[in-house]
N, C-alpha and C. Protein backbone atom coordinates (compact mmCIF):
# COMPACT_ATOMS: atom_id res chain seq x y z
N UNK A 1 8.43 -5.65 7.43
CA UNK A 1 9.90 -6.54 7.09
C UNK A 1 10.09 -6.68 5.71
N UNK A 2 11.26 -6.20 4.51
CA UNK A 2 11.02 -6.50 3.19
C UNK A 2 12.53 -6.94 3.04
N UNK A 3 12.63 -8.01 2.73
CA UNK A 3 14.10 -8.45 2.09
C UNK A 3 14.98 -8.11 3.05
N UNK A 4 14.84 -8.87 4.40
CA UNK A 4 15.65 -8.94 5.22
C UNK A 4 16.11 -7.42 6.24
N UNK A 5 15.08 -6.96 5.89
CA UNK A 5 15.30 -5.33 6.59
C UNK A 5 13.80 -4.60 7.25
N UNK A 6 14.38 -4.12 8.03
CA UNK A 6 12.62 -3.82 8.88
C UNK A 6 12.52 -2.24 8.50
N UNK A 7 11.46 -2.14 8.15
CA UNK A 7 11.24 -0.84 7.49
C UNK A 7 10.14 -0.32 8.28
N UNK A 8 10.76 1.39 8.45
CA UNK A 8 9.65 2.18 8.98
C UNK A 8 8.92 3.75 8.13
N UNK A 9 7.99 3.63 8.32
CA UNK A 9 7.88 5.19 7.06
C UNK A 9 7.00 5.95 7.96
N UNK A 10 6.99 7.31 8.11
CA UNK A 10 6.25 8.30 8.61
C UNK A 10 6.69 8.62 10.04
N UNK A 11 7.58 9.36 10.80
CA UNK A 11 7.89 9.45 11.99
C UNK A 11 7.24 11.22 12.17
N UNK A 12 7.10 10.96 13.49
CA UNK A 12 6.59 12.70 13.82
C UNK A 12 7.77 13.24 13.74
N UNK A 13 8.56 13.59 13.56
CA UNK A 13 10.43 14.45 12.98
C UNK A 13 9.99 14.95 11.48
N UNK A 14 10.01 13.64 10.78
CA UNK A 14 9.89 13.96 9.20
C UNK A 14 8.68 12.45 9.03
N UNK A 15 7.45 13.29 8.54
CA UNK A 15 6.34 12.50 8.03
C UNK A 15 6.77 11.74 6.57
N UNK A 16 7.57 12.45 5.74
CA UNK A 16 7.70 11.66 4.41
C UNK A 16 8.74 11.21 4.10
N UNK A 17 9.28 10.79 5.60
CA UNK A 17 10.94 9.80 5.19
C UNK A 17 10.58 7.75 5.24
N UNK A 18 11.49 7.11 4.21
CA UNK A 18 11.11 5.94 4.76
C UNK A 18 12.13 5.46 5.28
N UNK A 19 12.45 4.87 6.21
CA UNK A 19 14.08 4.45 6.68
C UNK A 19 13.79 3.06 6.93
N UNK A 20 14.93 2.11 6.43
CA UNK A 20 15.29 0.68 6.61
C UNK A 20 16.60 0.41 7.44
N UNK A 21 16.36 -0.77 8.19
CA UNK A 21 17.66 -1.30 8.69
C UNK A 21 18.70 -1.68 7.48
N UNK A 22 20.00 -2.31 7.97
CA UNK A 22 20.94 -2.83 7.00
C UNK A 22 20.03 -3.99 6.97
N UNK A 23 20.11 -4.94 6.05
CA UNK A 23 20.08 -6.02 5.40
C UNK A 23 20.68 -7.53 6.87
N UNK A 24 19.89 -8.05 6.88
CA UNK A 24 19.80 -8.61 7.76
C UNK A 24 20.27 -8.69 8.88
N UNK A 25 19.75 -7.50 9.95
CA UNK A 25 20.29 -7.17 10.64
C UNK A 25 19.61 -5.53 11.29
N UNK A 26 18.17 -6.64 11.48
CA UNK A 26 17.07 -5.74 11.56
C UNK A 26 17.60 -4.79 12.35
N UNK A 27 18.18 -4.62 14.05
CA UNK A 27 18.00 -3.24 14.86
C UNK A 27 19.24 -2.42 14.87
N UNK A 28 19.56 -1.81 13.00
CA UNK A 28 21.10 -1.42 12.89
C UNK A 28 20.51 -0.31 11.62
N UNK A 29 20.56 0.43 12.08
CA UNK A 29 20.70 1.54 10.79
C UNK A 29 21.53 2.83 10.57
N UNK A 30 22.76 2.23 11.08
CA UNK A 30 23.85 2.38 10.97
C UNK A 30 24.26 2.77 9.01
N UNK A 31 24.65 3.70 8.67
CA UNK A 31 24.99 3.99 7.69
C UNK A 31 26.76 4.78 7.59
N UNK A 32 27.34 4.27 5.99
CA UNK A 32 28.67 5.01 6.15
C UNK A 32 28.81 5.51 4.54
N UNK A 33 29.90 6.45 4.60
CA UNK A 33 29.66 7.29 3.54
C UNK A 33 30.32 6.30 1.92
N UNK A 34 30.75 4.72 2.41
CA UNK A 34 30.55 3.85 1.02
C UNK A 34 29.27 3.60 1.15
N UNK A 35 28.36 3.65 1.04
CA UNK A 35 26.87 3.21 0.52
C UNK A 35 26.59 1.85 0.35
N UNK A 36 27.27 0.90 0.47
CA UNK A 36 27.13 -0.20 0.38
C UNK A 36 25.58 -1.34 -0.05
N UNK A 37 25.18 -2.08 -0.76
CA UNK A 37 24.04 -2.20 -0.65
C UNK A 37 23.55 -3.29 0.25
N UNK A 38 23.96 -3.30 1.40
CA UNK A 38 23.39 -4.31 2.40
C UNK A 38 23.54 -2.97 3.53
N UNK A 39 23.98 -1.57 3.45
CA UNK A 39 23.70 -0.51 4.76
C UNK A 39 22.20 -0.22 4.52
N UNK A 40 21.79 0.77 5.82
CA UNK A 40 20.66 1.07 6.05
C UNK A 40 20.65 2.18 5.11
N UNK A 41 18.78 2.42 4.91
CA UNK A 41 18.61 3.68 4.00
C UNK A 41 17.92 4.64 4.21
N UNK A 42 17.70 5.65 3.43
CA UNK A 42 16.76 6.45 3.95
C UNK A 42 16.29 7.04 2.39
N UNK A 43 15.11 7.62 2.39
CA UNK A 43 14.34 7.43 0.80
C UNK A 43 13.00 8.53 1.33
N UNK A 44 13.12 9.41 0.69
CA UNK A 44 12.06 10.78 0.74
C UNK A 44 10.67 10.02 0.16
N UNK A 45 9.62 10.13 0.25
CA UNK A 45 8.29 9.31 -0.33
C UNK A 45 7.84 10.76 -1.19
N UNK A 46 8.26 12.02 -0.54
CA UNK A 46 7.34 13.26 -1.88
C UNK A 46 8.83 13.71 -1.78
N UNK A 47 8.88 15.16 -2.89
CA UNK A 47 10.24 15.93 -2.57
C UNK A 47 9.69 17.25 -1.98
N UNK A 48 8.55 17.68 -2.00
CA UNK A 48 8.25 18.95 -1.48
C UNK A 48 7.94 18.94 -0.07
N UNK A 49 8.01 17.84 0.60
CA UNK A 49 8.13 17.72 2.51
C UNK A 49 6.76 17.94 2.81
N UNK A 50 5.25 17.99 2.19
CA UNK A 50 4.55 18.00 2.68
C UNK A 50 3.63 16.70 2.82
N UNK A 51 4.22 15.95 1.77
CA UNK A 51 3.96 13.97 2.78
C UNK A 51 3.98 13.19 3.64
N UNK A 52 2.64 12.65 4.24
CA UNK A 52 2.89 12.04 5.35
C UNK A 52 2.61 10.84 5.19
N UNK A 53 3.54 9.77 5.71
CA UNK A 53 3.49 8.72 5.19
C UNK A 53 2.97 7.51 6.07
N UNK A 54 1.64 7.29 5.75
CA UNK A 54 0.85 6.49 6.46
C UNK A 54 0.98 4.64 7.03
N UNK A 55 1.40 4.50 5.96
CA UNK A 55 1.40 2.74 5.82
C UNK A 55 2.68 2.63 5.30
N UNK A 56 3.82 1.30 5.95
CA UNK A 56 4.66 0.78 4.74
C UNK A 56 3.90 -0.61 4.36
N UNK A 57 4.07 -1.47 3.39
CA UNK A 57 4.01 -2.23 2.66
C UNK A 57 3.93 -3.02 1.86
N UNK A 58 4.51 -4.65 2.22
CA UNK A 58 5.65 -4.90 1.31
C UNK A 58 4.89 -6.53 1.24
N UNK A 59 5.05 -5.82 -0.24
CA UNK A 59 4.03 -7.15 -1.87
C UNK A 59 5.70 -7.36 -2.29
N UNK A 60 5.25 -7.94 -3.90
CA UNK A 60 6.27 -7.79 -4.93
C UNK A 60 7.63 -6.99 -4.57
N UNK A 61 6.96 -5.26 -4.46
CA UNK A 61 7.55 -4.17 -4.61
C UNK A 61 7.35 -3.67 -2.67
N UNK A 62 7.76 -2.26 -2.77
CA UNK A 62 7.45 -1.71 -1.20
C UNK A 62 6.46 -0.90 -1.64
N UNK A 63 5.37 -0.62 -0.44
CA UNK A 63 4.67 0.53 -1.20
C UNK A 63 4.85 1.67 0.05
N UNK A 64 4.47 2.52 -0.33
CA UNK A 64 4.56 3.64 0.86
C UNK A 64 2.51 4.35 0.82
N UNK A 65 2.22 4.37 1.70
CA UNK A 65 0.94 4.52 1.30
C UNK A 65 0.40 6.18 2.24
N UNK A 66 0.63 7.50 1.15
CA UNK A 66 0.81 8.26 1.88
C UNK A 66 -0.83 9.30 1.91
N UNK A 67 -0.99 10.50 2.67
CA UNK A 67 -2.36 11.69 2.40
C UNK A 67 -1.98 11.81 1.09
N UNK A 68 -1.04 11.96 0.18
CA UNK A 68 -1.01 12.06 -1.58
C UNK A 68 -0.68 11.60 -1.87
N UNK A 69 -1.40 10.35 -1.81
CA UNK A 69 -1.57 8.97 -2.72
C UNK A 69 -0.82 7.32 -2.71
N UNK A 70 -0.47 6.61 -3.15
CA UNK A 70 0.80 5.30 -3.17
C UNK A 70 1.67 5.38 -4.05
N UNK A 71 3.17 5.67 -3.39
CA UNK A 71 4.28 5.54 -4.08
C UNK A 71 4.48 4.19 -3.62
N UNK A 72 5.27 3.75 -4.72
CA UNK A 72 6.01 2.20 -5.02
C UNK A 72 7.69 2.31 -5.65
N UNK A 73 8.04 1.31 -4.42
CA UNK A 73 9.78 1.14 -5.08
C UNK A 73 10.56 0.18 -5.87
N UNK A 74 10.23 0.53 -7.31
CA UNK A 74 10.34 -0.37 -8.15
C UNK A 74 11.67 -1.25 -8.37
N UNK A 75 13.09 -0.38 -7.60
CA UNK A 75 14.06 -0.87 -7.96
C UNK A 75 14.40 -2.20 -6.60
N UNK A 76 14.54 -3.72 -7.71
CA UNK A 76 14.71 -4.22 -5.94
C UNK A 76 16.29 -5.15 -6.52
N UNK A 77 17.16 -5.26 -5.71
CA UNK A 77 16.69 -5.27 -4.13
C UNK A 77 17.18 -3.88 -3.46
N UNK A 78 16.25 -3.15 -2.27
CA UNK A 78 16.22 -2.21 -2.10
C UNK A 78 17.65 -1.84 -1.45
N UNK A 79 18.16 -0.46 -2.18
CA UNK A 79 19.90 -0.12 -1.48
C UNK A 79 19.23 1.13 -1.03
N UNK A 80 20.73 1.58 -0.76
CA UNK A 80 20.24 3.42 -0.69
C UNK A 80 20.23 4.43 -1.09
N UNK A 81 20.66 4.01 -2.90
CA UNK A 81 20.26 4.56 -3.55
C UNK A 81 18.88 4.50 -4.15
N UNK A 82 18.21 3.80 -3.87
CA UNK A 82 17.42 3.60 -4.26
C UNK A 82 15.99 4.78 -4.24
N UNK A 83 15.23 4.63 -5.06
CA UNK A 83 13.84 6.24 -4.66
C UNK A 83 12.59 5.72 -4.58
N UNK A 84 11.52 6.14 -4.41
CA UNK A 84 9.80 5.97 -5.28
C UNK A 84 9.37 6.49 -5.57
N UNK A 85 8.43 6.42 -6.06
CA UNK A 85 7.26 6.28 -7.25
C UNK A 85 6.05 7.16 -7.20
N UNK A 86 5.77 7.92 -7.15
CA UNK A 86 4.38 8.42 -6.80
C UNK A 86 3.66 7.29 -8.48
N UNK A 87 2.67 6.50 -7.69
CA UNK A 87 1.32 5.54 -8.75
C UNK A 87 0.20 6.63 -8.61
N UNK A 88 -0.40 7.20 -7.73
CA UNK A 88 -1.73 7.26 -7.03
C UNK A 88 -1.80 8.17 -7.03
N UNK A 89 -3.03 9.32 -7.38
CA UNK A 89 -2.50 10.82 -6.64
C UNK A 89 -4.02 10.86 -5.71
N UNK A 90 -4.31 9.46 -5.45
CA UNK A 90 -5.64 9.14 -4.74
C UNK A 90 -4.94 9.00 -3.18
N UNK A 91 -5.16 10.49 -2.19
CA UNK A 91 -5.00 9.77 -0.65
C UNK A 91 -5.36 8.87 0.19
N UNK A 92 -4.36 7.98 0.96
CA UNK A 92 -5.24 6.73 1.35
C UNK A 92 -5.14 7.49 3.16
N UNK A 93 -5.70 6.32 3.45
CA UNK A 93 -6.77 6.54 4.74
C UNK A 93 -5.45 5.59 5.93
N UNK A 94 -4.88 6.12 7.08
CA UNK A 94 -4.16 5.47 7.68
C UNK A 94 -4.91 3.44 8.37
N UNK A 95 -5.40 3.38 7.31
CA UNK A 95 -6.23 2.03 7.46
C UNK A 95 -4.85 0.72 6.77
N UNK A 96 -4.83 -0.12 7.62
CA UNK A 96 -3.57 -1.60 7.28
C UNK A 96 -4.12 -1.87 5.98
N UNK A 97 -3.56 -1.98 4.92
CA UNK A 97 -3.85 -2.62 3.68
C UNK A 97 -3.62 -3.66 3.39
N UNK A 98 -4.29 -4.24 2.74
CA UNK A 98 -4.32 -6.21 2.33
C UNK A 98 -3.83 -6.35 1.17
N UNK A 99 -3.70 -7.72 0.43
CA UNK A 99 -2.99 -7.71 -0.80
C UNK A 99 -3.61 -9.13 -1.24
N UNK A 100 -4.48 -8.91 -2.37
CA UNK A 100 -4.91 -10.27 -3.10
C UNK A 100 -5.08 -10.46 -4.38
N UNK A 101 -4.45 -11.53 -4.41
CA UNK A 101 -3.76 -11.83 -5.75
C UNK A 101 -2.97 -11.01 -6.73
N UNK A 102 -2.13 -10.52 -5.51
CA UNK A 102 -0.95 -9.54 -6.41
C UNK A 102 -1.45 -8.22 -6.43
N UNK A 103 -3.07 -7.49 -6.07
CA UNK A 103 -3.17 -6.37 -5.96
C UNK A 103 -2.96 -5.97 -4.91
N UNK A 104 -2.67 -5.09 -4.46
CA UNK A 104 -2.90 -4.37 -2.98
C UNK A 104 -4.35 -3.25 -2.69
N UNK A 105 -5.23 -3.68 -1.40
CA UNK A 105 -5.88 -3.23 -1.99
C UNK A 105 -6.35 -2.37 -0.10
N UNK A 106 -6.39 -1.03 -0.62
CA UNK A 106 -6.37 -0.15 0.40
C UNK A 106 -7.34 0.76 0.54
N UNK A 107 -7.58 1.42 2.11
CA UNK A 107 -9.28 2.42 2.20
C UNK A 107 -8.63 4.12 1.61
N UNK A 108 -8.88 4.82 0.64
CA UNK A 108 -8.91 6.17 0.71
C UNK A 108 -9.28 6.82 1.45
N UNK A 109 -9.00 8.46 1.18
CA UNK A 109 -8.68 9.14 3.08
C UNK A 109 -10.09 10.39 1.70
N UNK A 110 -11.32 10.34 2.57
CA UNK A 110 -11.73 12.13 1.85
C UNK A 110 -11.03 12.72 1.98
N UNK A 111 -11.43 13.87 0.44
CA UNK A 111 -10.77 14.73 0.31
C UNK A 111 -11.69 15.69 -0.59
N UNK A 112 -11.27 16.76 -1.27
CA UNK A 112 -12.40 17.40 -2.01
C UNK A 112 -12.62 16.44 -2.94
N UNK A 113 -13.57 16.40 -3.87
CA UNK A 113 -13.54 15.82 -4.54
C UNK A 113 -14.34 14.50 -4.67
N UNK A 114 -13.57 13.63 -4.06
CA UNK A 114 -13.44 11.94 -3.71
C UNK A 114 -13.83 11.49 -2.12
N UNK A 115 -14.49 10.88 -2.20
CA UNK A 115 -15.13 9.97 -1.63
C UNK A 115 -14.90 9.01 -0.50
N UNK A 116 -14.37 8.52 0.29
CA UNK A 116 -13.87 7.60 1.30
C UNK A 116 -14.22 6.30 0.77
N UNK A 117 -13.51 5.42 -0.21
CA UNK A 117 -13.90 3.86 -0.52
C UNK A 117 -12.40 3.53 0.11
N UNK A 118 -13.10 2.20 -0.70
CA UNK A 118 -12.11 0.75 -0.69
C UNK A 118 -11.36 0.77 -2.61
N UNK A 119 -10.05 0.83 -2.59
CA UNK A 119 -9.45 0.48 -4.01
C UNK A 119 -8.31 -0.09 -3.63
N UNK A 120 -8.30 -0.62 -5.30
CA UNK A 120 -7.06 -1.74 -5.66
C UNK A 120 -6.63 -1.29 -6.58
N UNK A 121 -4.77 -1.63 -6.26
CA UNK A 121 -3.65 -0.89 -7.39
C UNK A 121 -2.98 -2.49 -7.99
N UNK A 122 -3.07 -1.96 -8.83
CA UNK A 122 -3.04 -3.53 -9.76
C UNK A 122 -1.42 -2.87 -10.52
N UNK A 123 -0.69 -3.78 -11.05
CA UNK A 123 0.30 -3.60 -12.46
C UNK A 123 -0.25 -4.04 -13.38
N UNK A 124 -0.33 -3.28 -14.74
CA UNK A 124 -0.08 -3.59 -16.09
C UNK A 124 0.72 -4.16 -16.40
N UNK A 125 1.23 -4.96 -17.55
CA UNK A 125 2.17 -4.95 -17.58
C UNK A 125 1.77 -5.05 -19.21
N UNK A 126 0.90 -4.20 -19.61
CA UNK A 126 0.01 -3.71 -21.14
C UNK A 126 1.25 -1.91 -20.82
N UNK A 127 1.12 -1.83 -19.86
CA UNK A 127 1.00 -0.23 -19.67
C UNK A 127 2.30 -0.17 -19.32
N UNK A 128 2.96 -1.02 -18.61
CA UNK A 128 3.79 -0.90 -17.79
C UNK A 128 3.64 -0.50 -16.30
N UNK A 129 2.83 0.53 -15.69
CA UNK A 129 2.55 0.81 -14.66
C UNK A 129 1.18 0.37 -13.66
N UNK A 130 1.56 0.81 -12.60
CA UNK A 130 0.15 0.78 -11.60
C UNK A 130 -0.83 1.01 -12.24
N UNK A 131 -2.27 0.79 -11.63
CA UNK A 131 -3.65 1.07 -12.21
C UNK A 131 -4.01 1.05 -10.94
N UNK A 132 -4.90 2.19 -10.80
CA UNK A 132 -6.24 2.09 -9.73
C UNK A 132 -7.79 1.92 -10.25
N UNK A 133 -8.45 0.89 -9.22
CA UNK A 133 -9.49 0.86 -9.46
C UNK A 133 -10.51 0.82 -8.55
N UNK A 134 -11.40 1.52 -8.22
CA UNK A 134 -12.76 2.08 -7.14
C UNK A 134 -13.20 0.20 -6.84
N UNK A 135 -13.31 -0.34 -5.99
CA UNK A 135 -13.82 -1.35 -5.74
C UNK A 135 -15.14 -1.46 -5.49
N UNK A 136 -15.95 -0.10 -5.18
CA UNK A 136 -17.10 0.23 -4.67
C UNK A 136 -17.74 0.91 -5.98
N UNK A 137 -17.22 1.08 -7.21
CA UNK A 137 -17.80 1.67 -8.01
C UNK A 137 -19.25 1.76 -8.62
N UNK A 138 -19.48 0.06 -8.90
CA UNK A 138 -20.95 -0.27 -9.21
C UNK A 138 -21.78 0.26 -7.97
N UNK A 139 -21.52 0.33 -6.73
CA UNK A 139 -22.32 0.27 -5.55
C UNK A 139 -21.52 0.77 -4.97
N UNK A 140 -21.51 2.23 -4.84
CA UNK A 140 -20.65 3.16 -3.57
C UNK A 140 -21.59 3.47 -2.81
N UNK A 141 -22.79 3.11 -2.34
CA UNK A 141 -23.73 3.44 -1.33
C UNK A 141 -23.70 2.39 0.25
N UNK A 142 -22.63 1.39 -0.13
CA UNK A 142 -22.68 -0.20 0.71
C UNK A 142 -20.85 1.04 1.40
N UNK A 143 -20.55 1.86 0.73
CA UNK A 143 -19.01 2.34 1.38
C UNK A 143 -19.27 3.51 2.19
N UNK A 144 -19.45 3.33 3.89
CA UNK A 144 -19.42 4.41 4.29
C UNK A 144 -18.84 4.35 5.17
N UNK A 145 -17.71 5.22 5.09
CA UNK A 145 -16.67 5.36 5.58
C UNK A 145 -16.05 4.50 6.19
N UNK A 146 -15.20 3.31 5.51
CA UNK A 146 -14.65 1.80 5.82
C UNK A 146 -13.20 2.19 6.85
N UNK A 147 -13.61 1.53 8.36
CA UNK A 147 -12.43 1.46 9.28
C UNK A 147 -11.54 0.84 9.55
N UNK A 148 -11.90 -0.62 8.67
CA UNK A 148 -11.09 -2.14 8.64
C UNK A 148 -11.64 -2.68 7.62
N UNK A 149 -10.04 -3.28 7.32
CA UNK A 149 -10.09 -4.46 6.55
C UNK A 149 -9.41 -5.55 6.41
N UNK A 150 -9.94 -6.84 6.03
CA UNK A 150 -9.19 -7.87 5.97
C UNK A 150 -9.84 -8.95 4.58
N UNK A 151 -8.60 -9.77 4.82
CA UNK A 151 -9.44 -10.69 3.73
C UNK A 151 -9.33 -12.09 4.23
N UNK A 152 -10.36 -13.16 3.87
CA UNK A 152 -10.43 -14.27 3.48
C UNK A 152 -10.15 -15.37 2.13
N UNK A 153 -8.74 -16.08 2.60
CA UNK A 153 -8.39 -16.33 1.09
C UNK A 153 -8.91 -17.31 0.69
N UNK A 154 -8.98 -18.03 -0.75
CA UNK A 154 -9.79 -18.98 -1.25
C UNK A 154 -9.12 -20.22 -0.24
N UNK A 155 -10.15 -21.25 -0.11
CA UNK A 155 -9.71 -22.69 -0.18
C UNK A 155 -10.16 -23.69 -0.79
N UNK A 156 -9.85 -24.71 -0.52
CA UNK A 156 -10.35 -25.90 -1.72
C UNK A 156 -11.47 -26.29 -1.80
N UNK A 157 -12.22 -26.31 -0.92
CA UNK A 157 -13.91 -25.86 -1.08
C UNK A 157 -14.60 -24.85 -1.86
N UNK A 158 -14.02 -23.55 -1.66
CA UNK A 158 -14.57 -22.14 -2.04
C UNK A 158 -13.57 -21.84 -2.84
N UNK A 159 -13.08 -21.31 -4.50
CA UNK A 159 -12.57 -20.70 -4.51
C UNK A 159 -12.12 -19.47 -4.67
N UNK A 160 -13.21 -18.49 -4.22
CA UNK A 160 -13.43 -16.96 -4.02
C UNK A 160 -12.69 -16.83 -3.16
N UNK A 161 -12.28 -15.71 -2.68
CA UNK A 161 -11.60 -14.41 -2.16
C UNK A 161 -12.44 -13.90 -1.76
N UNK A 162 -12.92 -13.50 -0.10
CA UNK A 162 -13.43 -12.46 0.62
C UNK A 162 -12.44 -11.28 0.69
N UNK A 163 -13.43 -10.16 0.70
CA UNK A 163 -13.00 -8.93 1.91
C UNK A 163 -13.79 -8.54 2.35
N UNK A 164 -13.72 -8.34 3.66
CA UNK A 164 -14.73 -7.65 4.19
C UNK A 164 -14.48 -6.20 5.03
N UNK A 165 -15.02 -5.66 4.66
CA UNK A 165 -14.93 -3.88 5.04
C UNK A 165 -16.40 -3.80 6.05
N UNK A 166 -15.33 -2.66 7.35
CA UNK A 166 -16.13 -2.77 8.60
C UNK A 166 -16.22 -1.48 8.31
N UNK A 167 -17.80 -0.74 7.68
CA UNK A 167 -18.02 0.32 7.89
C UNK A 167 -17.88 1.64 9.32
N UNK A 168 -18.08 2.58 9.90
CA UNK A 168 -17.94 3.46 10.34
C UNK A 168 -19.41 3.39 11.08
N UNK A 169 -20.53 2.66 10.89
CA UNK A 169 -21.96 3.17 10.94
C UNK A 169 -22.25 1.77 11.57
N UNK A 170 -21.11 0.96 11.59
CA UNK A 170 -21.10 -0.54 11.77
C UNK A 170 -21.90 -2.03 10.83
N UNK A 171 -21.95 -1.42 9.92
CA UNK A 171 -22.22 -2.67 9.15
C UNK A 171 -20.79 -3.01 8.26
N UNK A 172 -21.40 -3.99 7.65
CA UNK A 172 -20.14 -4.31 7.10
C UNK A 172 -20.47 -4.70 5.43
N UNK A 173 -19.61 -4.20 4.20
CA UNK A 173 -19.72 -4.47 3.06
C UNK A 173 -18.84 -5.71 2.71
N UNK A 174 -18.96 -6.61 1.63
CA UNK A 174 -18.02 -8.43 1.59
C UNK A 174 -18.03 -8.26 -0.05
N UNK A 175 -16.64 -7.82 -0.87
CA UNK A 175 -16.66 -8.32 -2.03
C UNK A 175 -16.10 -9.56 -2.12
N UNK A 176 -16.87 -10.28 -3.05
CA UNK A 176 -16.42 -11.76 -3.86
C UNK A 176 -15.66 -11.41 -4.54
N UNK A 177 -14.19 -12.09 -4.61
CA UNK A 177 -13.67 -11.74 -5.77
C UNK A 177 -12.64 -13.07 -6.35
N UNK A 178 -12.49 -12.91 -7.64
CA UNK A 178 -11.95 -14.16 -8.50
C UNK A 178 -11.20 -13.95 -9.65
N UNK A 179 -10.42 -13.13 -9.23
CA UNK A 179 -9.48 -12.56 -9.98
C UNK A 179 -8.54 -13.30 -11.34
N UNK A 180 -9.07 -14.85 -11.49
CA UNK A 180 -8.47 -15.34 -12.54
C UNK A 180 -9.86 -15.30 -13.69
N UNK A 181 -10.81 -15.13 -13.10
CA UNK A 181 -12.06 -14.85 -14.31
C UNK A 181 -12.28 -13.28 -13.96
N UNK A 182 -12.21 -12.59 -13.71
CA UNK A 182 -11.63 -11.25 -13.54
C UNK A 182 -13.52 -11.20 -12.89
N UNK A 183 -13.46 -11.62 -11.94
CA UNK A 183 -15.29 -11.62 -11.35
C UNK A 183 -14.79 -10.48 -9.95
N UNK A 184 -15.89 -9.91 -9.92
CA UNK A 184 -15.95 -9.25 -8.21
C UNK A 184 -17.40 -9.42 -8.34
N UNK A 185 -17.60 -9.13 -6.99
CA UNK A 185 -19.24 -8.49 -6.50
C UNK A 185 -19.61 -8.92 -5.03
C-alpha cells in the first residue's frame, strides 16, 4: 500500500509493469480516458521489456526492485502519468527489502562479476540522486548467499539498529548501525 493505493509489480504476463489501484479504492483498477489523478495507473519499470519486477517497496518514494536494478518513482503523489527512473544497475534478488533510517536495504542478485551481498540505497542531497553502498564491503566473507533479512530497530536502552542477514549455509551476519553517527559494524 502506498498513498491509499494497492500496488503490484511484476506479474506473469507482463513482468516489467507496476500497477496501482484507484486512490482510497484498493480493489478498483479501472481507468478512463480522462486520466484523473486518483485513477488507477500502470507504468513500465523499463522501456525494453526485459526487466522483471521482483519487489515493490514504499518508503518516502515508491521503489521497484528488479533484475536490472532499482527504479524509483520520484514524483509524488503517484498519478496515471507518473514514471519511474533507474537508480542503480545492481540486480536485486527476490528477497523482501527493509528500511533503516531512510535507506532502502536490499539483497543483490548474483550476476556476472557481482557477488551476492546486501546493499543500501540512500538519497544524497548534495548530488540530488540515490547512492548505492555495499554493506559487506569491509567483510565480504560474512555474506554467503543471503536468503532473508530483518531489522531490529533502536530502543530506549539501546540506540543501535541491527540488520540480521540469514545466509544460505545457515549462518547469521549482523550489521550494527547508527546512521546519525555514521557508524556501521
